[in-house]
N, C-alpha and C. Protein backbone atom coordinates (compact mmCIF):
# COMPACT_ATOMS: atom_id res chain seq x y z
N MET A 1 90.03 97.73 153.17
CA MET A 1 88.93 97.78 152.22
C MET A 1 88.92 99.11 151.46
N LYS A 2 89.25 100.18 152.17
CA LYS A 2 89.23 101.48 151.53
C LYS A 2 90.34 101.59 150.47
N GLU A 3 91.48 100.95 150.74
CA GLU A 3 92.55 100.97 149.75
C GLU A 3 92.13 100.25 148.48
N GLU A 4 91.44 99.14 148.63
CA GLU A 4 90.96 98.40 147.46
C GLU A 4 89.95 99.22 146.67
N GLN A 5 89.09 99.95 147.36
CA GLN A 5 88.11 100.79 146.68
C GLN A 5 88.81 101.93 145.93
N ARG A 6 89.81 102.54 146.60
CA ARG A 6 90.55 103.62 145.93
C ARG A 6 91.30 103.09 144.72
N PHE A 7 91.88 101.91 144.87
CA PHE A 7 92.59 101.31 143.74
C PHE A 7 91.63 101.01 142.60
N GLY A 8 90.44 100.50 142.91
CA GLY A 8 89.44 100.22 141.88
C GLY A 8 88.99 101.48 141.16
N ILE A 9 88.77 102.55 141.92
CA ILE A 9 88.36 103.82 141.30
C ILE A 9 89.49 104.37 140.44
N MET A 10 90.72 104.32 140.95
CA MET A 10 91.87 104.81 140.19
C MET A 10 92.07 103.99 138.91
N LYS A 11 91.90 102.68 139.02
CA LYS A 11 92.05 101.81 137.86
C LYS A 11 91.00 102.14 136.79
N LYS A 12 89.77 102.42 137.25
CA LYS A 12 88.71 102.77 136.31
C LYS A 12 89.03 104.06 135.57
N TYR A 13 89.55 105.06 136.29
CA TYR A 13 89.91 106.34 135.65
C TYR A 13 91.10 106.18 134.70
N VAL A 14 92.08 105.40 135.10
CA VAL A 14 93.24 105.18 134.24
C VAL A 14 92.81 104.45 132.96
N ASN A 15 91.96 103.44 133.09
CA ASN A 15 91.46 102.73 131.91
C ASN A 15 90.64 103.65 131.00
N TRP A 16 89.86 104.54 131.60
CA TRP A 16 89.07 105.48 130.80
C TRP A 16 89.98 106.43 130.03
N VAL A 17 91.00 106.98 130.72
CA VAL A 17 91.95 107.87 130.05
C VAL A 17 92.69 107.11 128.95
N LEU A 18 93.07 105.88 129.23
CA LEU A 18 93.76 105.06 128.24
C LEU A 18 92.88 104.82 127.01
N ASP A 19 91.60 104.54 127.23
CA ASP A 19 90.68 104.36 126.12
C ASP A 19 90.55 105.63 125.27
N VAL A 20 90.49 106.78 125.93
CA VAL A 20 90.38 108.05 125.20
C VAL A 20 91.64 108.30 124.38
N VAL A 21 92.80 108.09 124.98
CA VAL A 21 94.06 108.31 124.26
C VAL A 21 94.18 107.34 123.09
N LEU A 22 93.81 106.09 123.30
CA LEU A 22 93.86 105.12 122.20
C LEU A 22 92.86 105.46 121.11
N GLY A 23 91.72 106.02 121.48
CA GLY A 23 90.74 106.46 120.49
C GLY A 23 91.29 107.59 119.63
N VAL A 24 91.95 108.55 120.28
CA VAL A 24 92.56 109.65 119.53
C VAL A 24 93.66 109.11 118.62
N LEU A 25 94.46 108.18 119.13
CA LEU A 25 95.50 107.57 118.31
C LEU A 25 94.90 106.84 117.11
N ALA A 26 93.80 106.13 117.32
CA ALA A 26 93.14 105.43 116.21
C ALA A 26 92.64 106.43 115.17
N LEU A 27 92.10 107.56 115.60
CA LEU A 27 91.65 108.58 114.65
C LEU A 27 92.82 109.15 113.84
N LEU A 28 93.94 109.40 114.50
CA LEU A 28 95.12 109.88 113.78
C LEU A 28 95.61 108.85 112.77
N ILE A 29 95.59 107.60 113.16
CA ILE A 29 96.01 106.54 112.23
C ILE A 29 95.05 106.46 111.05
N LEU A 30 93.76 106.62 111.30
CA LEU A 30 92.79 106.63 110.19
C LEU A 30 93.08 107.75 109.20
N ILE A 31 93.46 108.92 109.73
CA ILE A 31 93.80 110.04 108.86
C ILE A 31 95.02 109.68 108.00
N PHE A 32 96.03 109.06 108.61
CA PHE A 32 97.20 108.64 107.85
C PHE A 32 96.86 107.56 106.84
N MET A 33 95.92 106.68 107.19
CA MET A 33 95.51 105.64 106.23
C MET A 33 94.84 106.26 105.01
N ILE A 34 94.01 107.26 105.22
CA ILE A 34 93.38 107.95 104.09
C ILE A 34 94.45 108.61 103.23
N ARG A 35 95.43 109.20 103.89
CA ARG A 35 96.55 109.81 103.15
C ARG A 35 97.31 108.77 102.34
N GLN A 36 97.53 107.60 102.91
CA GLN A 36 98.21 106.51 102.19
C GLN A 36 97.40 106.09 100.97
N LEU A 37 96.08 105.99 101.12
CA LEU A 37 95.24 105.61 99.98
C LEU A 37 95.33 106.64 98.86
N ILE A 38 95.38 107.91 99.23
CA ILE A 38 95.51 108.97 98.21
C ILE A 38 96.86 108.85 97.50
N ASP A 39 97.92 108.59 98.28
CA ASP A 39 99.25 108.42 97.67
C ASP A 39 99.28 107.22 96.73
N ILE A 40 98.67 106.13 97.14
CA ILE A 40 98.62 104.94 96.28
C ILE A 40 97.86 105.25 95.00
N GLY A 41 96.76 105.96 95.13
CA GLY A 41 95.98 106.34 93.94
C GLY A 41 96.76 107.21 92.97
N THR A 42 97.56 108.13 93.49
CA THR A 42 98.34 108.99 92.59
C THR A 42 99.45 108.20 91.90
N PHE A 43 100.05 107.24 92.59
CA PHE A 43 101.10 106.45 91.95
C PHE A 43 100.54 105.44 90.95
N ILE A 44 99.33 104.96 91.19
CA ILE A 44 98.73 104.01 90.24
C ILE A 44 98.40 104.71 88.94
N ASN A 45 98.04 105.99 88.98
CA ASN A 45 97.71 106.72 87.76
C ASN A 45 98.93 107.04 86.91
N LYS A 46 100.12 106.96 87.50
CA LYS A 46 101.35 107.22 86.74
C LYS A 46 101.72 105.97 85.93
N PRO A 47 102.54 106.14 84.89
CA PRO A 47 103.00 104.96 84.14
C PRO A 47 103.78 104.02 85.05
N MET A 48 103.56 102.72 84.91
CA MET A 48 104.19 101.74 85.78
C MET A 48 105.61 101.43 85.34
N THR A 49 106.53 102.02 86.03
CA THR A 49 107.94 101.69 85.86
C THR A 49 108.36 100.86 87.06
N PRO A 50 109.49 100.18 86.99
CA PRO A 50 109.92 99.41 88.17
C PRO A 50 110.03 100.27 89.44
N LYS A 51 110.46 101.52 89.28
CA LYS A 51 110.57 102.40 90.43
C LYS A 51 109.18 102.73 91.00
N ASN A 52 108.22 103.04 90.12
CA ASN A 52 106.86 103.33 90.58
C ASN A 52 106.22 102.11 91.23
N LEU A 53 106.47 100.93 90.67
CA LEU A 53 105.93 99.70 91.25
C LEU A 53 106.49 99.48 92.65
N SER A 54 107.77 99.75 92.82
CA SER A 54 108.39 99.61 94.14
C SER A 54 107.77 100.60 95.13
N ILE A 55 107.52 101.82 94.68
CA ILE A 55 106.91 102.83 95.56
C ILE A 55 105.49 102.42 95.94
N VAL A 56 104.74 101.91 94.97
CA VAL A 56 103.37 101.45 95.26
C VAL A 56 103.40 100.31 96.27
N MET A 57 104.32 99.38 96.10
CA MET A 57 104.43 98.26 97.06
C MET A 57 104.75 98.77 98.47
N GLN A 58 105.65 99.74 98.57
CA GLN A 58 105.98 100.30 99.88
C GLN A 58 104.78 101.00 100.50
N GLU A 59 104.03 101.72 99.68
CA GLU A 59 102.84 102.42 100.19
C GLU A 59 101.78 101.42 100.66
N VAL A 60 101.60 100.35 99.90
CA VAL A 60 100.61 99.32 100.29
C VAL A 60 101.03 98.65 101.59
N VAL A 61 102.31 98.35 101.72
CA VAL A 61 102.81 97.75 102.95
C VAL A 61 102.61 98.70 104.13
N ALA A 62 102.89 99.98 103.94
CA ALA A 62 102.68 100.96 105.01
C ALA A 62 101.20 101.04 105.38
N PHE A 63 100.32 100.98 104.38
CA PHE A 63 98.88 101.02 104.65
C PHE A 63 98.47 99.83 105.52
N PHE A 64 98.94 98.63 105.18
CA PHE A 64 98.56 97.46 105.96
C PHE A 64 99.18 97.48 107.36
N MET A 65 100.33 98.11 107.51
CA MET A 65 100.89 98.26 108.86
C MET A 65 99.99 99.15 109.71
N LEU A 66 99.49 100.23 109.13
CA LEU A 66 98.58 101.10 109.86
C LEU A 66 97.28 100.37 110.19
N PHE A 67 96.76 99.61 109.22
CA PHE A 67 95.54 98.84 109.43
C PHE A 67 95.74 97.83 110.56
N GLU A 68 96.87 97.16 110.56
CA GLU A 68 97.16 96.17 111.59
C GLU A 68 97.25 96.82 112.97
N PHE A 69 97.81 98.01 113.01
CA PHE A 69 97.93 98.71 114.29
C PHE A 69 96.55 99.10 114.83
N ILE A 70 95.68 99.58 113.95
CA ILE A 70 94.32 99.91 114.38
C ILE A 70 93.60 98.67 114.89
N MET A 71 93.76 97.56 114.19
CA MET A 71 93.12 96.32 114.63
C MET A 71 93.66 95.89 116.00
N MET A 72 94.94 96.11 116.25
CA MET A 72 95.51 95.75 117.54
C MET A 72 94.94 96.64 118.65
N VAL A 73 94.76 97.93 118.38
CA VAL A 73 94.18 98.84 119.37
C VAL A 73 92.75 98.41 119.69
N ILE A 74 91.98 98.09 118.64
CA ILE A 74 90.59 97.64 118.85
C ILE A 74 90.57 96.35 119.65
N ARG A 75 91.44 95.42 119.31
CA ARG A 75 91.49 94.14 120.03
C ARG A 75 91.87 94.35 121.50
N TYR A 76 92.79 95.28 121.74
CA TYR A 76 93.22 95.58 123.11
C TYR A 76 92.05 96.07 123.95
N ILE A 77 91.24 96.95 123.37
CA ILE A 77 90.09 97.47 124.11
C ILE A 77 89.02 96.39 124.28
N GLN A 78 88.78 95.58 123.23
CA GLN A 78 87.77 94.53 123.31
C GLN A 78 88.12 93.47 124.34
N GLU A 79 89.39 93.16 124.49
CA GLU A 79 89.82 92.10 125.41
C GLU A 79 89.96 92.58 126.85
N GLY A 80 89.50 93.80 127.12
CA GLY A 80 89.57 94.30 128.49
C GLY A 80 90.98 94.72 128.87
N HIS A 81 91.65 95.43 127.98
CA HIS A 81 93.01 95.94 128.18
C HIS A 81 94.02 94.81 128.32
N HIS A 82 93.88 93.84 127.42
CA HIS A 82 94.79 92.70 127.38
C HIS A 82 94.88 92.22 125.94
N ILE A 83 96.08 91.94 125.46
CA ILE A 83 96.26 91.39 124.12
C ILE A 83 96.76 89.96 124.27
N PRO A 84 96.03 88.99 123.72
CA PRO A 84 96.47 87.59 123.84
C PRO A 84 97.82 87.38 123.13
N ILE A 85 98.65 86.51 123.68
CA ILE A 85 99.97 86.24 123.13
C ILE A 85 99.87 85.67 121.72
N ARG A 86 98.83 84.89 121.46
CA ARG A 86 98.64 84.31 120.12
C ARG A 86 98.50 85.42 119.08
N TYR A 87 97.77 86.45 119.42
CA TYR A 87 97.56 87.57 118.50
C TYR A 87 98.88 88.30 118.22
N LEU A 88 99.69 88.48 119.25
CA LEU A 88 100.98 89.15 119.07
C LEU A 88 101.92 88.31 118.19
N ILE A 89 101.90 87.00 118.37
CA ILE A 89 102.75 86.14 117.55
C ILE A 89 102.30 86.19 116.09
N LEU A 90 100.99 86.20 115.86
CA LEU A 90 100.49 86.30 114.48
C LEU A 90 100.86 87.64 113.85
N ILE A 91 100.86 88.70 114.64
CA ILE A 91 101.29 90.00 114.13
C ILE A 91 102.78 89.95 113.74
N CYS A 92 103.58 89.29 114.56
CA CYS A 92 105.01 89.16 114.24
C CYS A 92 105.21 88.37 112.95
N ILE A 93 104.48 87.29 112.78
CA ILE A 93 104.61 86.49 111.56
C ILE A 93 104.21 87.34 110.34
N THR A 94 103.14 88.10 110.48
CA THR A 94 102.70 88.96 109.37
C THR A 94 103.76 90.01 109.05
N ALA A 95 104.36 90.59 110.07
CA ALA A 95 105.39 91.61 109.84
C ALA A 95 106.61 91.02 109.15
N ILE A 96 107.00 89.82 109.52
CA ILE A 96 108.15 89.18 108.89
C ILE A 96 107.83 88.82 107.44
N LEU A 97 106.62 88.34 107.20
CA LEU A 97 106.21 88.04 105.81
C LEU A 97 106.21 89.31 104.96
N ARG A 98 105.76 90.40 105.55
CA ARG A 98 105.78 91.67 104.85
C ARG A 98 107.21 92.08 104.51
N GLN A 99 108.11 91.86 105.44
CA GLN A 99 109.52 92.17 105.21
C GLN A 99 110.09 91.30 104.09
N LEU A 100 109.68 90.04 104.06
CA LEU A 100 110.14 89.14 102.99
C LEU A 100 109.66 89.61 101.63
N MET A 101 108.45 90.15 101.57
CA MET A 101 107.92 90.62 100.29
C MET A 101 108.68 91.85 99.79
N VAL A 102 109.07 92.72 100.68
CA VAL A 102 109.71 93.97 100.27
C VAL A 102 111.21 93.77 100.03
N LEU A 103 111.89 93.11 100.94
CA LEU A 103 113.34 92.92 100.83
C LEU A 103 113.63 91.45 100.55
N HIS A 104 113.79 91.11 99.32
CA HIS A 104 114.00 89.71 98.98
C HIS A 104 115.24 89.51 98.11
N GLY A 105 116.26 90.35 98.29
CA GLY A 105 117.45 90.26 97.46
C GLY A 105 118.53 89.37 98.05
N ASP A 106 118.78 89.46 99.34
CA ASP A 106 119.87 88.74 100.00
C ASP A 106 119.39 87.36 100.45
N ALA A 107 120.09 86.32 100.04
CA ALA A 107 119.68 84.95 100.36
C ALA A 107 119.81 84.64 101.84
N VAL A 108 120.86 85.14 102.49
CA VAL A 108 121.05 84.87 103.91
C VAL A 108 119.95 85.53 104.73
N GLN A 109 119.61 86.76 104.37
CA GLN A 109 118.54 87.46 105.08
C GLN A 109 117.20 86.74 104.88
N THR A 110 116.94 86.29 103.67
CA THR A 110 115.71 85.55 103.40
C THR A 110 115.66 84.26 104.21
N LEU A 111 116.78 83.57 104.31
CA LEU A 111 116.84 82.34 105.09
C LEU A 111 116.59 82.62 106.57
N LEU A 112 117.21 83.66 107.10
CA LEU A 112 117.02 84.00 108.52
C LEU A 112 115.58 84.40 108.81
N LEU A 113 114.98 85.17 107.91
CA LEU A 113 113.57 85.54 108.10
C LEU A 113 112.67 84.32 108.05
N SER A 114 112.98 83.39 107.15
CA SER A 114 112.18 82.16 107.06
C SER A 114 112.32 81.32 108.31
N VAL A 115 113.53 81.24 108.86
CA VAL A 115 113.75 80.49 110.10
C VAL A 115 112.99 81.15 111.25
N SER A 116 112.96 82.48 111.27
CA SER A 116 112.23 83.16 112.35
C SER A 116 110.72 82.89 112.23
N ILE A 117 110.20 82.84 111.00
CA ILE A 117 108.78 82.50 110.83
C ILE A 117 108.53 81.08 111.31
N LEU A 118 109.41 80.16 110.95
CA LEU A 118 109.26 78.77 111.39
C LEU A 118 109.28 78.66 112.91
N SER A 119 110.18 79.39 113.55
CA SER A 119 110.24 79.33 115.02
C SER A 119 108.97 79.89 115.66
N LEU A 120 108.39 80.95 115.08
CA LEU A 120 107.14 81.50 115.62
C LEU A 120 105.98 80.52 115.42
N VAL A 121 105.96 79.84 114.29
CA VAL A 121 104.92 78.84 114.05
C VAL A 121 105.06 77.68 115.04
N ILE A 122 106.29 77.30 115.34
CA ILE A 122 106.51 76.23 116.33
C ILE A 122 106.02 76.69 117.70
N VAL A 123 106.26 77.94 118.06
CA VAL A 123 105.77 78.47 119.34
C VAL A 123 104.24 78.40 119.39
N LEU A 124 103.58 78.78 118.29
CA LEU A 124 102.11 78.67 118.26
C LEU A 124 101.66 77.22 118.42
N PHE A 125 102.37 76.30 117.78
CA PHE A 125 102.03 74.88 117.88
C PHE A 125 102.19 74.37 119.30
N VAL A 126 103.28 74.77 119.95
CA VAL A 126 103.52 74.35 121.33
C VAL A 126 102.45 74.94 122.26
N LEU A 127 102.08 76.18 122.04
CA LEU A 127 101.02 76.79 122.85
C LEU A 127 99.70 76.04 122.66
N ASN A 128 99.45 75.61 121.44
CA ASN A 128 98.24 74.82 121.16
C ASN A 128 98.27 73.49 121.89
N LEU A 129 99.44 72.83 121.92
CA LEU A 129 99.56 71.54 122.58
C LEU A 129 99.52 71.63 124.10
N SER A 130 99.92 72.78 124.64
CA SER A 130 100.03 72.91 126.09
C SER A 130 98.69 72.80 126.80
N GLY A 131 97.61 73.06 126.07
CA GLY A 131 96.30 72.97 126.69
C GLY A 131 95.92 74.22 127.46
N ASN A 132 96.83 75.15 127.63
CA ASN A 132 96.56 76.40 128.31
C ASN A 132 95.90 77.35 127.32
N LYS A 133 94.65 77.65 127.53
CA LYS A 133 93.91 78.49 126.58
C LYS A 133 94.01 79.97 126.91
N SER A 134 94.83 80.36 127.87
CA SER A 134 94.94 81.77 128.22
C SER A 134 95.58 82.58 127.11
N TYR A 135 96.31 81.94 126.23
CA TYR A 135 96.97 82.68 125.16
C TYR A 135 96.02 83.13 124.08
N VAL A 136 94.80 82.63 124.05
CA VAL A 136 93.85 83.07 123.04
C VAL A 136 92.84 84.05 123.61
N GLY A 137 93.07 84.51 124.80
CA GLY A 137 92.17 85.48 125.39
C GLY A 137 90.95 84.84 126.04
N PHE A 138 91.04 83.55 126.41
CA PHE A 138 89.93 82.85 127.01
C PHE A 138 89.72 83.33 128.44
N LYS A 139 88.49 83.70 128.75
CA LYS A 139 88.16 84.11 130.10
C LYS A 139 87.04 83.20 130.60
N PRO A 140 87.29 82.40 131.65
CA PRO A 140 86.25 81.50 132.13
C PRO A 140 85.08 82.27 132.74
N HIS A 141 83.91 81.69 132.59
CA HIS A 141 82.72 82.28 133.20
C HIS A 141 82.79 82.10 134.71
N ALA A 142 81.96 82.82 135.43
CA ALA A 142 81.96 82.75 136.89
C ALA A 142 81.66 81.34 137.38
N ASN A 143 80.75 80.63 136.71
CA ASN A 143 80.40 79.27 137.12
C ASN A 143 81.58 78.32 136.96
N GLU A 144 82.35 78.46 135.87
CA GLU A 144 83.48 77.57 135.63
C GLU A 144 84.60 77.81 136.62
N SER A 145 84.83 79.07 137.00
CA SER A 145 85.91 79.36 137.96
C SER A 145 85.54 78.83 139.35
N GLN A 146 84.26 78.80 139.68
CA GLN A 146 83.84 78.26 140.96
C GLN A 146 83.99 76.75 141.00
N LYS A 147 83.76 76.09 139.85
CA LYS A 147 83.90 74.63 139.78
C LYS A 147 85.34 74.21 140.00
N THR A 148 86.29 74.97 139.47
CA THR A 148 87.69 74.60 139.62
C THR A 148 88.21 74.83 141.03
N GLU A 149 87.60 75.76 141.77
CA GLU A 149 88.04 76.04 143.12
C GLU A 149 87.54 75.01 144.12
N ILE A 150 86.49 74.31 143.81
CA ILE A 150 85.89 73.36 144.77
C ILE A 150 86.70 72.12 144.92
């Protein structure tokens, strides 16, 4: 019993330290996001040449990557230090779509990225059909878990 208590106390401290570190990381990312917005603003004020447009697109993509990372940190803390698999798959699909928007010159690469998106969508569909709701972060209430044990 004492080992379980020590483990519980240690787990609480580790989770607290993890929350603090993730909070500091989120603040640093917010600072970088503000910097990205300033960079985007300076490029928008310049005359729009194809090179400037490409730079603006890269800056916008970088901004959304930072935004997505902050949302993932927040979701991790909200879900009790757990990220549902569905959320990770959606992040992967978004990242591949972002890659398609930026690098769209090579036909083979575009085809492979499209196939990877299709395979991730199929995985989401199969998870939906499986009936297992653990991938969406579902946590049964105490009453429901007691009903299944009886």
